[in-house]
């Protein structure tokens, strides 16, 4: 078998729980510490459990997923509202960009938290090893 560090934690990491913690912008390990410094900058370590978070490689994935979700939500609503003629034509130019921008602002940090949590739960990009159990 491959040589594993002594502090390696081979116990499975629950993906669903990690994704829920990431969605709430919390540490995927303990769920207590803040995941971000500011809006999108991931902290190097969790303030509560000390889990190293700098390993993440979210890169452009959160942006792409956020655009995909926003487009799939806004475009049908915009088309339906236009077809039903429930809004004056000029209001579409005001309302839909605001709706799309609001969705992006709300979703982007949550999606990024989910991507970081997904990587942590699947032991990707340096998340292979865990901190030694301190017994607390």
Protein backbone atom coordinates (compact mmCIF):
# COMPACT_ATOMS: atom_id res chain seq x y z
CA UNK A 1 0.00 0.00 0.00
CA UNK A 2 1.14 3.56 -0.58
CA UNK A 3 2.97 5.32 2.21
CA UNK A 4 0.50 7.56 3.98
CA UNK A 5 1.43 10.22 6.51
CA UNK A 6 0.90 9.19 10.12
CA UNK A 7 -1.78 11.84 10.64
CA UNK A 8 -3.73 10.74 7.56
CA UNK A 9 -7.46 10.51 8.11
CA UNK A 10 -8.85 7.76 5.89
CA UNK A 11 -12.39 8.06 7.22
CA UNK A 12 -14.83 9.09 4.51
CA UNK A 13 -15.78 12.73 4.44
CA UNK A 14 -19.53 13.17 3.93
CA UNK A 15 -20.06 15.09 0.70
CA UNK A 16 -23.59 16.31 1.48
CA UNK A 17 -22.64 17.76 4.85
CA UNK A 18 -19.53 19.38 3.39
CA UNK A 19 -21.53 20.94 0.54
CA UNK A 20 -24.09 22.30 3.00
CA UNK A 21 -21.31 23.87 5.08
CA UNK A 22 -19.69 25.32 1.96
CA UNK A 23 -23.05 26.74 0.80
CA UNK A 24 -23.29 28.49 4.18
CA UNK A 25 -19.74 29.82 3.60
CA UNK A 26 -18.36 27.86 6.55
CA UNK A 27 -15.37 25.56 6.98
CA UNK A 28 -16.17 22.19 5.37
CA UNK A 29 -14.53 20.32 8.25
CA UNK A 30 -16.06 21.90 11.37
CA UNK A 31 -18.83 24.09 9.97
CA UNK A 32 -18.01 26.79 12.48
CA UNK A 33 -15.27 28.92 11.00
CA UNK A 34 -15.75 31.44 8.23
CA UNK A 35 -14.58 30.16 4.85
CA UNK A 36 -13.91 33.59 3.34
CA UNK A 37 -11.99 36.72 4.20
CA UNK A 38 -14.25 39.26 2.57
CA UNK A 39 -16.45 38.40 -0.39
CA UNK A 40 -14.54 35.64 -2.24
CA UNK A 41 -11.02 35.33 -0.78
CA UNK A 42 -10.70 31.92 0.89
CA UNK A 43 -8.95 31.97 4.26
CA UNK A 44 -5.67 30.09 4.53
CA UNK A 45 -6.84 28.22 7.65
CA UNK A 46 -10.05 27.82 9.60
CA UNK A 47 -10.03 30.00 12.72
CA UNK A 48 -11.78 27.32 14.75
CA UNK A 49 -10.42 23.89 13.74
CA UNK A 50 -7.24 24.99 11.95
CA UNK A 51 -8.02 23.07 8.73
CA UNK A 52 -5.78 24.28 5.91
CA UNK A 53 -8.01 25.75 3.22
CA UNK A 54 -5.36 27.25 0.96
CA UNK A 55 -5.20 23.99 -1.04
CA UNK A 56 -8.39 24.78 -2.92
CA UNK A 57 -8.31 25.18 -6.67
CA UNK A 58 -11.73 26.66 -7.34
CA UNK A 59 -10.33 28.86 -10.13
CA UNK A 60 -13.10 29.77 -12.63
CA UNK A 61 -15.56 26.98 -11.75
CA UNK A 62 -17.70 29.10 -9.37
CA UNK A 63 -18.05 31.84 -11.98
CA UNK A 64 -19.04 29.40 -14.71
CA UNK A 65 -21.57 27.60 -12.51
CA UNK A 66 -23.03 30.89 -11.29
CA UNK A 67 -23.45 32.15 -14.86
CA UNK A 68 -25.03 28.84 -15.87
CA UNK A 69 -27.55 28.88 -13.02
CA UNK A 70 -28.34 32.58 -13.37
CA UNK A 71 -28.89 32.26 -17.10
CA UNK A 72 -31.14 29.24 -16.69
CA UNK A 73 -33.24 31.05 -14.09
CA UNK A 74 -33.44 34.52 -15.61
CA UNK A 75 -33.84 33.70 -19.33
CA UNK A 76 -37.07 31.66 -19.00
CA UNK A 77 -38.57 34.19 -16.60
CA UNK A 78 -37.70 37.01 -18.96
CA UNK A 79 -39.22 35.20 -21.95
CA UNK A 80 -42.38 34.28 -20.03
CA UNK A 81 -42.84 37.85 -18.77
CA UNK A 82 -42.36 39.18 -22.30
CA UNK A 83 -44.74 36.65 -23.87
CA UNK A 84 -47.44 37.27 -21.26
CA UNK A 85 -47.02 41.00 -21.78
CA UNK A 86 -47.17 41.62 -18.03
CA UNK A 87 -44.52 44.36 -18.09
CA UNK A 88 -44.06 47.39 -20.30
CA UNK A 89 -41.32 46.78 -22.87
CA UNK A 90 -38.94 49.40 -21.41
CA UNK A 91 -39.07 47.79 -17.96
CA UNK A 92 -37.38 44.62 -19.21
CA UNK A 93 -34.20 46.64 -19.75
CA UNK A 94 -34.29 47.75 -16.12
CA UNK A 95 -35.61 44.73 -14.24
CA UNK A 96 -33.73 41.76 -15.72
CA UNK A 97 -30.18 43.10 -15.37
CA UNK A 98 -30.94 43.92 -11.72
CA UNK A 99 -32.39 40.44 -11.14
CA UNK A 100 -29.40 38.78 -12.82
CA UNK A 101 -26.85 40.90 -10.93
CA UNK A 102 -28.59 40.20 -7.61
CA UNK A 103 -28.56 36.46 -8.30
CA UNK A 104 -24.86 36.55 -9.17
CA UNK A 105 -23.97 38.51 -6.04
CA UNK A 106 -25.91 36.09 -3.84
CA UNK A 107 -24.89 32.84 -5.56
CA UNK A 108 -21.19 33.37 -6.32
CA UNK A 109 -19.76 33.04 -2.77
CA UNK A 110 -22.10 30.14 -2.02
CA UNK A 111 -21.12 28.28 -5.17
CA UNK A 112 -17.43 28.92 -4.46
CA UNK A 113 -17.94 27.60 -0.93
CA UNK A 114 -19.55 24.50 -2.41
CA UNK A 115 -16.62 23.99 -4.81
CA UNK A 116 -14.08 24.28 -1.98
CA UNK A 117 -16.17 21.89 0.15
CA UNK A 118 -16.45 19.43 -2.76
CA UNK A 119 -12.67 19.43 -3.14
CA UNK A 120 -12.22 18.95 0.61
CA UNK A 121 -14.72 16.08 0.81
CA UNK A 122 -13.09 14.30 -2.14
CA UNK A 123 -9.54 14.94 -0.86
CA UNK A 124 -8.55 16.87 -3.97
CA UNK A 125 -5.64 19.30 -4.50
CA UNK A 126 -3.84 18.88 -1.18
CA UNK A 127 -6.87 18.15 0.99
CA UNK A 128 -5.74 14.49 1.12
CA UNK A 129 -4.53 14.62 4.70
CA UNK A 130 -6.39 15.89 7.70
CA UNK A 131 -5.23 17.49 10.89
CA UNK A 132 -4.40 15.07 13.66
CA UNK A 133 -7.32 14.49 16.00
CA UNK A 134 -6.78 16.62 19.09
CA UNK A 135 -9.32 14.70 21.13
CA UNK A 136 -11.58 17.72 21.58
